[in-house]
ModelCIF file with pLDDT and N, C-alpha, C, O atoms, coordinates in Angstrom:
data_MODEL
#
_entry.id   MODEL 
#
_entity.id                         1 
_entity.type                       polymer 
_entity.pdbx_number_of_molecules   1 
#
_entity_poly.entity_id                      1 
_entity_poly.type                           'polypeptide(L)' 
_entity_poly.nstd_linkage                   no 
_entity_poly.nstd_monomer                   no 
_entity_poly.pdbx_seq_one_letter_code       SDFMTRADIAAGRLVKLLEAHSTGFHQQIHAVYYRNTQLSQRISC 
_entity_poly.pdbx_seq_one_letter_code_can   SDFMTRADIAAGRLVKLLEAHSTGFHQQIHAVYYRNTQLSQRISC 
_entity_poly.pdbx_strand_id                 A 
#
loop_
_entity_poly_seq.entity_id 
_entity_poly_seq.num 
_entity_poly_seq.mon_id 
_entity_poly_seq.hetero 
1 1  SER n 
1 2  ASP n 
1 3  PHE n 
1 4  MET n 
1 5  THR n 
1 6  ARG n 
1 7  ALA n 
1 8  ASP n 
1 9  ILE n 
1 10 ALA n 
1 11 ALA n 
1 12 GLY n 
1 13 ARG n 
1 14 LEU n 
1 15 VAL n 
1 16 LYS n 
1 17 LEU n 
1 18 LEU n 
1 19 GLU n 
1 20 ALA n 
1 21 HIS n 
1 22 SER n 
1 23 THR n 
1 24 GLY n 
1 25 PHE n 
1 26 HIS n 
1 27 GLN n 
1 28 GLN n 
1 29 ILE n 
1 30 HIS n 
1 31 ALA n 
1 32 VAL n 
1 33 TYR n 
1 34 TYR n 
1 35 ARG n 
1 36 ASN n 
1 37 THR n 
1 38 GLN n 
1 39 LEU n 
1 40 SER n 
1 41 GLN n 
1 42 ARG n 
1 43 ILE n 
1 44 SER n 
1 45 CYS n 
#
_struct_asym.id          A 
_struct_asym.entity_id   1 
#
loop_
_ma_qa_metric.id 
_ma_qa_metric.mode 
_ma_qa_metric.name 
_ma_qa_metric.software_group_id 
_ma_qa_metric.type 
1 global pLDDT . pLDDT 
2 local  pLDDT . pLDDT 
#
_ma_qa_metric_global.metric_id      1 
_ma_qa_metric_global.metric_value   88.20 
_ma_qa_metric_global.model_id       1 
_ma_qa_metric_global.ordinal_id     1 
#
loop_
_ma_qa_metric_local.label_asym_id 
_ma_qa_metric_local.label_comp_id 
_ma_qa_metric_local.label_seq_id 
_ma_qa_metric_local.metric_id 
_ma_qa_metric_local.metric_value 
_ma_qa_metric_local.model_id 
_ma_qa_metric_local.ordinal_id 
A SER 1  2 96.00 1 1  
A ASP 2  2 96.00 1 2  
A PHE 3  2 95.00 1 3  
A MET 4  2 95.00 1 4  
A THR 5  2 97.00 1 5  
A ARG 6  2 95.00 1 6  
A ALA 7  2 96.00 1 7  
A ASP 8  2 97.00 1 8  
A ILE 9  2 97.00 1 9  
A ALA 10 2 97.00 1 10 
A ALA 11 2 97.00 1 11 
A GLY 12 2 97.00 1 12 
A ARG 13 2 98.00 1 13 
A LEU 14 2 98.00 1 14 
A VAL 15 2 98.00 1 15 
A LYS 16 2 97.00 1 16 
A LEU 17 2 97.00 1 17 
A LEU 18 2 97.00 1 18 
A GLU 19 2 96.00 1 19 
A ALA 20 2 96.00 1 20 
A HIS 21 2 96.00 1 21 
A SER 22 2 95.00 1 22 
A THR 23 2 95.00 1 23 
A GLY 24 2 93.00 1 24 
A PHE 25 2 93.00 1 25 
A HIS 26 2 94.00 1 26 
A GLN 27 2 92.00 1 27 
A GLN 28 2 92.00 1 28 
A ILE 29 2 92.00 1 29 
A HIS 30 2 90.00 1 30 
A ALA 31 2 90.00 1 31 
A VAL 32 2 87.00 1 32 
A TYR 33 2 83.00 1 33 
A TYR 34 2 75.00 1 34 
A ARG 35 2 61.00 1 35 
A ASN 36 2 55.00 1 36 
A THR 37 2 48.00 1 37 
A GLN 38 2 51.00 1 38 
A LEU 39 2 60.00 1 39 
A SER 40 2 74.00 1 40 
A GLN 41 2 79.00 1 41 
A ARG 42 2 84.00 1 42 
A ILE 43 2 85.00 1 43 
A SER 44 2 85.00 1 44 
A CYS 45 2 88.00 1 45 
#
loop_
_atom_site.group_PDB 
_atom_site.id 
_atom_site.type_symbol 
_atom_site.label_atom_id 
_atom_site.label_alt_id 
_atom_site.label_comp_id 
_atom_site.label_asym_id 
_atom_site.label_entity_id 
_atom_site.label_seq_id 
_atom_site.pdbx_PDB_ins_code 
_atom_site.Cartn_x 
_atom_site.Cartn_y 
_atom_site.Cartn_z 
_atom_site.occupancy 
_atom_site.B_iso_or_equiv 
_atom_site.pdbx_formal_charge 
_atom_site.auth_seq_id 
_atom_site.auth_comp_id 
_atom_site.auth_asym_id 
_atom_site.auth_atom_id 
_atom_site.pdbx_PDB_model_num 
ATOM 1   N N  . SER A 1 1  ? -43.035 -17.116 27.266 1.00 96.00 ? 1  SER A N  1 
ATOM 2   C CA . SER A 1 1  ? -42.252 -17.738 26.031 1.00 96.00 ? 1  SER A CA 1 
ATOM 3   C C  . SER A 1 1  ? -42.408 -19.329 26.178 1.00 96.00 ? 1  SER A C  1 
ATOM 4   O O  . SER A 1 1  ? -43.055 -19.938 27.030 1.00 96.00 ? 1  SER A O  1 
ATOM 5   N N  . ASP A 1 2  ? -41.636 -19.843 25.110 1.00 96.00 ? 2  ASP A N  1 
ATOM 6   C CA . ASP A 1 2  ? -41.920 -21.076 24.463 1.00 96.00 ? 2  ASP A CA 1 
ATOM 7   C C  . ASP A 1 2  ? -41.166 -21.862 25.255 1.00 96.00 ? 2  ASP A C  1 
ATOM 8   O O  . ASP A 1 2  ? -41.501 -23.010 25.545 1.00 96.00 ? 2  ASP A O  1 
ATOM 9   N N  . PHE A 1 3  ? -40.122 -21.318 25.651 1.00 95.00 ? 3  PHE A N  1 
ATOM 10  C CA . PHE A 1 3  ? -38.592 -21.954 25.897 1.00 95.00 ? 3  PHE A CA 1 
ATOM 11  C C  . PHE A 1 3  ? -39.041 -22.492 27.513 1.00 95.00 ? 3  PHE A C  1 
ATOM 12  O O  . PHE A 1 3  ? -38.463 -23.424 28.072 1.00 95.00 ? 3  PHE A O  1 
ATOM 13  N N  . MET A 1 4  ? -39.914 -21.892 27.984 1.00 95.00 ? 4  MET A N  1 
ATOM 14  C CA . MET A 1 4  ? -40.453 -22.104 29.410 1.00 95.00 ? 4  MET A CA 1 
ATOM 15  C C  . MET A 1 4  ? -42.170 -22.760 29.779 1.00 95.00 ? 4  MET A C  1 
ATOM 16  O O  . MET A 1 4  ? -42.788 -23.139 30.774 1.00 95.00 ? 4  MET A O  1 
ATOM 17  N N  . THR A 1 5  ? -42.373 -22.629 28.562 1.00 97.00 ? 5  THR A N  1 
ATOM 18  C CA . THR A 1 5  ? -43.750 -23.722 28.566 1.00 97.00 ? 5  THR A CA 1 
ATOM 19  C C  . THR A 1 5  ? -44.120 -25.084 27.817 1.00 97.00 ? 5  THR A C  1 
ATOM 20  O O  . THR A 1 5  ? -45.033 -25.881 28.036 1.00 97.00 ? 5  THR A O  1 
ATOM 21  N N  . ARG A 1 6  ? -43.117 -25.082 26.872 1.00 95.00 ? 6  ARG A N  1 
ATOM 22  C CA . ARG A 1 6  ? -42.948 -26.135 26.189 1.00 95.00 ? 6  ARG A CA 1 
ATOM 23  C C  . ARG A 1 6  ? -43.402 -27.401 26.552 1.00 95.00 ? 6  ARG A C  1 
ATOM 24  O O  . ARG A 1 6  ? -44.151 -28.035 25.808 1.00 95.00 ? 6  ARG A O  1 
ATOM 25  N N  . ALA A 1 7  ? -42.993 -27.857 27.697 1.00 96.00 ? 7  ALA A N  1 
ATOM 26  C CA . ALA A 1 7  ? -43.020 -28.704 28.755 1.00 96.00 ? 7  ALA A CA 1 
ATOM 27  C C  . ALA A 1 7  ? -44.276 -29.063 29.249 1.00 96.00 ? 7  ALA A C  1 
ATOM 28  O O  . ALA A 1 7  ? -44.599 -30.205 29.573 1.00 96.00 ? 7  ALA A O  1 
ATOM 29  N N  . ASP A 1 8  ? -45.072 -27.928 29.305 1.00 97.00 ? 8  ASP A N  1 
ATOM 30  C CA . ASP A 1 8  ? -46.363 -27.665 30.143 1.00 97.00 ? 8  ASP A CA 1 
ATOM 31  C C  . ASP A 1 8  ? -47.474 -27.940 29.181 1.00 97.00 ? 8  ASP A C  1 
ATOM 32  O O  . ASP A 1 8  ? -48.578 -28.362 29.526 1.00 97.00 ? 8  ASP A O  1 
ATOM 33  N N  . ILE A 1 9  ? -47.041 -27.622 27.710 1.00 97.00 ? 9  ILE A N  1 
ATOM 34  C CA . ILE A 1 9  ? -47.527 -27.882 26.628 1.00 97.00 ? 9  ILE A CA 1 
ATOM 35  C C  . ILE A 1 9  ? -48.172 -29.135 26.148 1.00 97.00 ? 9  ILE A C  1 
ATOM 36  O O  . ILE A 1 9  ? -49.345 -29.448 25.944 1.00 97.00 ? 9  ILE A O  1 
ATOM 37  N N  . ALA A 1 10 ? -46.794 -29.881 26.010 1.00 97.00 ? 10 ALA A N  1 
ATOM 38  C CA . ALA A 1 10 ? -46.840 -30.757 25.680 1.00 97.00 ? 10 ALA A CA 1 
ATOM 39  C C  . ALA A 1 10 ? -47.460 -32.091 26.884 1.00 97.00 ? 10 ALA A C  1 
ATOM 40  O O  . ALA A 1 10 ? -47.672 -33.202 26.397 1.00 97.00 ? 10 ALA A O  1 
ATOM 41  N N  . ALA A 1 11 ? -47.637 -31.941 27.955 1.00 97.00 ? 11 ALA A N  1 
ATOM 42  C CA . ALA A 1 11 ? -48.076 -32.400 28.585 1.00 97.00 ? 11 ALA A CA 1 
ATOM 43  C C  . ALA A 1 11 ? -49.874 -32.180 29.270 1.00 97.00 ? 11 ALA A C  1 
ATOM 44  O O  . ALA A 1 11 ? -50.579 -32.923 29.953 1.00 97.00 ? 11 ALA A O  1 
ATOM 45  N N  . GLY A 1 12 ? -50.072 -30.955 28.744 1.00 97.00 ? 12 GLY A N  1 
ATOM 46  C CA . GLY A 1 12 ? -51.514 -30.619 28.518 1.00 97.00 ? 12 GLY A CA 1 
ATOM 47  C C  . GLY A 1 12 ? -51.648 -29.989 30.311 1.00 97.00 ? 12 GLY A C  1 
ATOM 48  O O  . GLY A 1 12 ? -52.747 -29.903 30.861 1.00 97.00 ? 12 GLY A O  1 
ATOM 49  N N  . ARG A 1 13 ? -50.680 -29.704 30.829 1.00 98.00 ? 13 ARG A N  1 
ATOM 50  C CA . ARG A 1 13 ? -50.699 -28.814 31.839 1.00 98.00 ? 13 ARG A CA 1 
ATOM 51  C C  . ARG A 1 13 ? -51.258 -27.121 31.433 1.00 98.00 ? 13 ARG A C  1 
ATOM 52  O O  . ARG A 1 13 ? -51.820 -26.348 32.209 1.00 98.00 ? 13 ARG A O  1 
ATOM 53  N N  . LEU A 1 14 ? -50.889 -26.867 29.950 1.00 98.00 ? 14 LEU A N  1 
ATOM 54  C CA . LEU A 1 14 ? -51.157 -25.534 29.753 1.00 98.00 ? 14 LEU A CA 1 
ATOM 55  C C  . LEU A 1 14 ? -52.154 -25.677 28.171 1.00 98.00 ? 14 LEU A C  1 
ATOM 56  O O  . LEU A 1 14 ? -52.710 -26.699 27.768 1.00 98.00 ? 14 LEU A O  1 
ATOM 57  N N  . VAL A 1 15 ? -52.144 -24.750 27.717 1.00 98.00 ? 15 VAL A N  1 
ATOM 58  C CA . VAL A 1 15 ? -53.412 -24.878 26.058 1.00 98.00 ? 15 VAL A CA 1 
ATOM 59  C C  . VAL A 1 15 ? -53.117 -23.743 25.420 1.00 98.00 ? 15 VAL A C  1 
ATOM 60  O O  . VAL A 1 15 ? -53.157 -22.744 26.138 1.00 98.00 ? 15 VAL A O  1 
ATOM 61  N N  . LYS A 1 16 ? -52.845 -23.582 24.341 1.00 97.00 ? 16 LYS A N  1 
ATOM 62  C CA . LYS A 1 16 ? -52.883 -23.021 23.649 1.00 97.00 ? 16 LYS A CA 1 
ATOM 63  C C  . LYS A 1 16 ? -53.952 -21.850 23.238 1.00 97.00 ? 16 LYS A C  1 
ATOM 64  O O  . LYS A 1 16 ? -55.078 -22.343 23.165 1.00 97.00 ? 16 LYS A O  1 
ATOM 65  N N  . LEU A 1 17 ? -53.945 -21.023 23.068 1.00 97.00 ? 17 LEU A N  1 
ATOM 66  C CA . LEU A 1 17 ? -54.932 -20.485 22.894 1.00 97.00 ? 17 LEU A CA 1 
ATOM 67  C C  . LEU A 1 17 ? -55.147 -18.988 21.732 1.00 97.00 ? 17 LEU A C  1 
ATOM 68  O O  . LEU A 1 17 ? -54.208 -18.205 21.875 1.00 97.00 ? 17 LEU A O  1 
ATOM 69  N N  . LEU A 1 18 ? -55.923 -18.644 20.947 1.00 97.00 ? 18 LEU A N  1 
ATOM 70  C CA . LEU A 1 18 ? -55.997 -18.163 19.711 1.00 97.00 ? 18 LEU A CA 1 
ATOM 71  C C  . LEU A 1 18 ? -54.722 -17.883 18.815 1.00 97.00 ? 18 LEU A C  1 
ATOM 72  O O  . LEU A 1 18 ? -54.213 -16.805 18.508 1.00 97.00 ? 18 LEU A O  1 
ATOM 73  N N  . GLU A 1 19 ? -54.268 -19.504 18.404 1.00 96.00 ? 19 GLU A N  1 
ATOM 74  C CA . GLU A 1 19 ? -53.340 -19.886 17.465 1.00 96.00 ? 19 GLU A CA 1 
ATOM 75  C C  . GLU A 1 19 ? -53.529 -18.959 16.163 1.00 96.00 ? 19 GLU A C  1 
ATOM 76  O O  . GLU A 1 19 ? -52.522 -18.601 15.553 1.00 96.00 ? 19 GLU A O  1 
ATOM 77  N N  . ALA A 1 20 ? -54.838 -18.558 15.720 1.00 96.00 ? 20 ALA A N  1 
ATOM 78  C CA . ALA A 1 20 ? -55.377 -18.482 14.433 1.00 96.00 ? 20 ALA A CA 1 
ATOM 79  C C  . ALA A 1 20 ? -55.001 -16.702 14.556 1.00 96.00 ? 20 ALA A C  1 
ATOM 80  O O  . ALA A 1 20 ? -54.989 -15.886 13.635 1.00 96.00 ? 20 ALA A O  1 
ATOM 81  N N  . HIS A 1 21 ? -54.833 -16.569 15.422 1.00 96.00 ? 21 HIS A N  1 
ATOM 82  C CA . HIS A 1 21 ? -54.844 -14.896 15.390 1.00 96.00 ? 21 HIS A CA 1 
ATOM 83  C C  . HIS A 1 21 ? -53.256 -14.264 15.742 1.00 96.00 ? 21 HIS A C  1 
ATOM 84  O O  . HIS A 1 21 ? -52.779 -13.131 15.688 1.00 96.00 ? 21 HIS A O  1 
ATOM 85  N N  . SER A 1 22 ? -52.716 -15.607 16.125 1.00 95.00 ? 22 SER A N  1 
ATOM 86  C CA . SER A 1 22 ? -51.309 -15.268 16.602 1.00 95.00 ? 22 SER A CA 1 
ATOM 87  C C  . SER A 1 22 ? -50.298 -14.464 15.695 1.00 95.00 ? 22 SER A C  1 
ATOM 88  O O  . SER A 1 22 ? -49.896 -15.276 14.862 1.00 95.00 ? 22 SER A O  1 
ATOM 89  N N  . THR A 1 23 ? -49.754 -13.341 15.495 1.00 95.00 ? 23 THR A N  1 
ATOM 90  C CA . THR A 1 23 ? -48.872 -12.919 14.521 1.00 95.00 ? 23 THR A CA 1 
ATOM 91  C C  . THR A 1 23 ? -47.213 -13.841 14.274 1.00 95.00 ? 23 THR A C  1 
ATOM 92  O O  . THR A 1 23 ? -46.425 -13.706 13.338 1.00 95.00 ? 23 THR A O  1 
ATOM 93  N N  . GLY A 1 24 ? -47.101 -14.807 15.552 1.00 93.00 ? 24 GLY A N  1 
ATOM 94  C CA . GLY A 1 24 ? -45.468 -15.083 14.944 1.00 93.00 ? 24 GLY A CA 1 
ATOM 95  C C  . GLY A 1 24 ? -44.727 -14.964 15.305 1.00 93.00 ? 24 GLY A C  1 
ATOM 96  O O  . GLY A 1 24 ? -43.857 -15.826 15.182 1.00 93.00 ? 24 GLY A O  1 
ATOM 97  N N  . PHE A 1 25 ? -44.424 -13.417 16.268 1.00 93.00 ? 25 PHE A N  1 
ATOM 98  C CA . PHE A 1 25 ? -44.030 -13.104 17.029 1.00 93.00 ? 25 PHE A CA 1 
ATOM 99  C C  . PHE A 1 25 ? -42.516 -13.885 17.395 1.00 93.00 ? 25 PHE A C  1 
ATOM 100 O O  . PHE A 1 25 ? -42.904 -14.785 18.140 1.00 93.00 ? 25 PHE A O  1 
ATOM 101 N N  . HIS A 1 26 ? -41.333 -14.006 17.306 1.00 94.00 ? 26 HIS A N  1 
ATOM 102 C CA . HIS A 1 26 ? -40.403 -14.754 18.339 1.00 94.00 ? 26 HIS A CA 1 
ATOM 103 C C  . HIS A 1 26 ? -39.594 -13.498 19.370 1.00 94.00 ? 26 HIS A C  1 
ATOM 104 O O  . HIS A 1 26 ? -39.401 -12.386 18.879 1.00 94.00 ? 26 HIS A O  1 
ATOM 105 N N  . GLN A 1 27 ? -39.234 -13.750 20.567 1.00 92.00 ? 27 GLN A N  1 
ATOM 106 C CA . GLN A 1 27 ? -38.433 -13.009 21.252 1.00 92.00 ? 27 GLN A CA 1 
ATOM 107 C C  . GLN A 1 27 ? -37.005 -13.654 21.202 1.00 92.00 ? 27 GLN A C  1 
ATOM 108 O O  . GLN A 1 27 ? -36.750 -14.850 21.345 1.00 92.00 ? 27 GLN A O  1 
ATOM 109 N N  . GLN A 1 28 ? -36.155 -12.667 20.979 1.00 92.00 ? 28 GLN A N  1 
ATOM 110 C CA . GLN A 1 28 ? -34.686 -12.879 20.444 1.00 92.00 ? 28 GLN A CA 1 
ATOM 111 C C  . GLN A 1 28 ? -33.991 -13.270 21.803 1.00 92.00 ? 28 GLN A C  1 
ATOM 112 O O  . GLN A 1 28 ? -34.145 -12.818 22.938 1.00 92.00 ? 28 GLN A O  1 
ATOM 113 N N  . ILE A 1 29 ? -33.275 -14.140 21.371 1.00 92.00 ? 29 ILE A N  1 
ATOM 114 C CA . ILE A 1 29 ? -32.210 -14.860 22.880 1.00 92.00 ? 29 ILE A CA 1 
ATOM 115 C C  . ILE A 1 29 ? -30.763 -14.175 22.677 1.00 92.00 ? 29 ILE A C  1 
ATOM 116 O O  . ILE A 1 29 ? -30.283 -14.413 21.569 1.00 92.00 ? 29 ILE A O  1 
ATOM 117 N N  . HIS A 1 30 ? -30.094 -13.497 23.393 1.00 90.00 ? 30 HIS A N  1 
ATOM 118 C CA . HIS A 1 30 ? -28.800 -13.107 23.297 1.00 90.00 ? 30 HIS A CA 1 
ATOM 119 C C  . HIS A 1 30 ? -28.273 -13.206 24.428 1.00 90.00 ? 30 HIS A C  1 
ATOM 120 O O  . HIS A 1 30 ? -28.732 -13.119 25.566 1.00 90.00 ? 30 HIS A O  1 
ATOM 121 N N  . ALA A 1 31 ? -26.651 -13.513 23.775 1.00 90.00 ? 31 ALA A N  1 
ATOM 122 C CA . ALA A 1 31 ? -25.914 -13.123 25.291 1.00 90.00 ? 31 ALA A CA 1 
ATOM 123 C C  . ALA A 1 31 ? -24.850 -12.337 24.936 1.00 90.00 ? 31 ALA A C  1 
ATOM 124 O O  . ALA A 1 31 ? -24.341 -12.489 23.826 1.00 90.00 ? 31 ALA A O  1 
ATOM 125 N N  . VAL A 1 32 ? -24.290 -11.231 25.981 1.00 87.00 ? 32 VAL A N  1 
ATOM 126 C CA . VAL A 1 32 ? -24.228 -10.350 25.679 1.00 87.00 ? 32 VAL A CA 1 
ATOM 127 C C  . VAL A 1 32 ? -22.668 -10.622 26.916 1.00 87.00 ? 32 VAL A C  1 
ATOM 128 O O  . VAL A 1 32 ? -22.543 -11.455 27.814 1.00 87.00 ? 32 VAL A O  1 
ATOM 129 N N  . TYR A 1 33 ? -21.662 -9.486  26.421 1.00 83.00 ? 33 TYR A N  1 
ATOM 130 C CA . TYR A 1 33 ? -20.258 -9.856  27.485 1.00 83.00 ? 33 TYR A CA 1 
ATOM 131 C C  . TYR A 1 33 ? -19.289 -8.685  26.964 1.00 83.00 ? 33 TYR A C  1 
ATOM 132 O O  . TYR A 1 33 ? -19.320 -8.127  25.867 1.00 83.00 ? 33 TYR A O  1 
ATOM 133 N N  . TYR A 1 34 ? -18.417 -8.461  28.049 1.00 75.00 ? 34 TYR A N  1 
ATOM 134 C CA . TYR A 1 34 ? -17.076 -7.970  26.938 1.00 75.00 ? 34 TYR A CA 1 
ATOM 135 C C  . TYR A 1 34 ? -16.168 -8.634  26.622 1.00 75.00 ? 34 TYR A C  1 
ATOM 136 O O  . TYR A 1 34 ? -15.871 -9.705  27.151 1.00 75.00 ? 34 TYR A O  1 
ATOM 137 N N  . ARG A 1 35 ? -15.484 -8.006  25.549 1.00 61.00 ? 35 ARG A N  1 
ATOM 138 C CA . ARG A 1 35 ? -14.320 -9.174  24.721 1.00 61.00 ? 35 ARG A CA 1 
ATOM 139 C C  . ARG A 1 35 ? -13.180 -8.699  25.984 1.00 61.00 ? 35 ARG A C  1 
ATOM 140 O O  . ARG A 1 35 ? -12.915 -7.598  26.467 1.00 61.00 ? 35 ARG A O  1 
ATOM 141 N N  . ASN A 1 36 ? -12.729 -9.906  26.215 1.00 55.00 ? 36 ASN A N  1 
ATOM 142 C CA . ASN A 1 36 ? -11.864 -10.208 27.015 1.00 55.00 ? 36 ASN A CA 1 
ATOM 143 C C  . ASN A 1 36 ? -11.003 -11.826 26.749 1.00 55.00 ? 36 ASN A C  1 
ATOM 144 O O  . ASN A 1 36 ? -11.273 -13.026 26.794 1.00 55.00 ? 36 ASN A O  1 
ATOM 145 N N  . THR A 1 37 ? -9.942  -11.015 26.484 1.00 48.00 ? 37 THR A N  1 
ATOM 146 C CA . THR A 1 37 ? -9.027  -12.579 25.711 1.00 48.00 ? 37 THR A CA 1 
ATOM 147 C C  . THR A 1 37 ? -8.738  -13.617 26.571 1.00 48.00 ? 37 THR A C  1 
ATOM 148 O O  . THR A 1 37 ? -8.345  -14.638 26.006 1.00 48.00 ? 37 THR A O  1 
ATOM 149 N N  . GLN A 1 38 ? -8.840  -13.664 28.098 1.00 51.00 ? 38 GLN A N  1 
ATOM 150 C CA . GLN A 1 38 ? -8.871  -14.335 29.205 1.00 51.00 ? 38 GLN A CA 1 
ATOM 151 C C  . GLN A 1 38 ? -9.962  -15.017 28.871 1.00 51.00 ? 38 GLN A C  1 
ATOM 152 O O  . GLN A 1 38 ? -9.885  -16.047 28.201 1.00 51.00 ? 38 GLN A O  1 
ATOM 153 N N  . LEU A 1 39 ? -11.187 -14.482 29.335 1.00 60.00 ? 39 LEU A N  1 
ATOM 154 C CA . LEU A 1 39 ? -11.842 -14.886 29.373 1.00 60.00 ? 39 LEU A CA 1 
ATOM 155 C C  . LEU A 1 39 ? -12.614 -15.865 27.843 1.00 60.00 ? 39 LEU A C  1 
ATOM 156 O O  . LEU A 1 39 ? -13.400 -16.799 28.003 1.00 60.00 ? 39 LEU A O  1 
ATOM 157 N N  . SER A 1 40 ? -12.265 -15.485 26.812 1.00 74.00 ? 40 SER A N  1 
ATOM 158 C CA . SER A 1 40 ? -12.544 -16.087 25.512 1.00 74.00 ? 40 SER A CA 1 
ATOM 159 C C  . SER A 1 40 ? -12.616 -17.191 25.734 1.00 74.00 ? 40 SER A C  1 
ATOM 160 O O  . SER A 1 40 ? -13.732 -17.555 26.106 1.00 74.00 ? 40 SER A O  1 
ATOM 161 N N  . GLN A 1 41 ? -11.667 -18.132 25.647 1.00 79.00 ? 41 GLN A N  1 
ATOM 162 C CA . GLN A 1 41 ? -12.076 -19.894 25.778 1.00 79.00 ? 41 GLN A CA 1 
ATOM 163 C C  . GLN A 1 41 ? -13.308 -20.193 26.580 1.00 79.00 ? 41 GLN A C  1 
ATOM 164 O O  . GLN A 1 41 ? -14.346 -20.678 26.128 1.00 79.00 ? 41 GLN A O  1 
ATOM 165 N N  . ARG A 1 42 ? -13.063 -19.833 27.880 1.00 84.00 ? 42 ARG A N  1 
ATOM 166 C CA . ARG A 1 42 ? -14.637 -20.227 28.794 1.00 84.00 ? 42 ARG A CA 1 
ATOM 167 C C  . ARG A 1 42 ? -16.051 -19.742 27.976 1.00 84.00 ? 42 ARG A C  1 
ATOM 168 O O  . ARG A 1 42 ? -17.139 -20.266 27.738 1.00 84.00 ? 42 ARG A O  1 
ATOM 169 N N  . ILE A 1 43 ? -15.504 -18.646 27.730 1.00 85.00 ? 43 ILE A N  1 
ATOM 170 C CA . ILE A 1 43 ? -16.725 -17.791 27.119 1.00 85.00 ? 43 ILE A CA 1 
ATOM 171 C C  . ILE A 1 43 ? -17.673 -18.656 25.686 1.00 85.00 ? 43 ILE A C  1 
ATOM 172 O O  . ILE A 1 43 ? -18.888 -18.804 25.553 1.00 85.00 ? 43 ILE A O  1 
ATOM 173 N N  . SER A 1 44 ? -16.712 -19.023 24.933 1.00 85.00 ? 44 SER A N  1 
ATOM 174 C CA . SER A 1 44 ? -16.818 -19.389 23.870 1.00 85.00 ? 44 SER A CA 1 
ATOM 175 C C  . SER A 1 44 ? -17.281 -20.778 23.423 1.00 85.00 ? 44 SER A C  1 
ATOM 176 O O  . SER A 1 44 ? -17.884 -21.142 22.413 1.00 85.00 ? 44 SER A O  1 
ATOM 177 N N  . CYS A 1 45 ? -16.746 -21.536 24.637 1.00 88.00 ? 45 CYS A N  1 
ATOM 178 C CA . CYS A 1 45 ? -17.313 -23.363 24.899 1.00 88.00 ? 45 CYS A CA 1 
ATOM 179 C C  . CYS A 1 45 ? -18.556 -22.829 25.749 1.00 88.00 ? 45 CYS A C  1 
ATOM 180 O O  . CYS A 1 45 ? -19.362 -23.624 26.231 1.00 88.00 ? 45 CYS A O  1 
#
């Protein structure tokens, strides 16, 4: 994923390959949690 390699790519430590063949797929990032009124304030912030 880009989120863990972005700095390496920018610094030249890792090089992107086969960009012309990429489908542009993105991994979704979700937060999951139980609804809990007492926790809602901390979770929301």
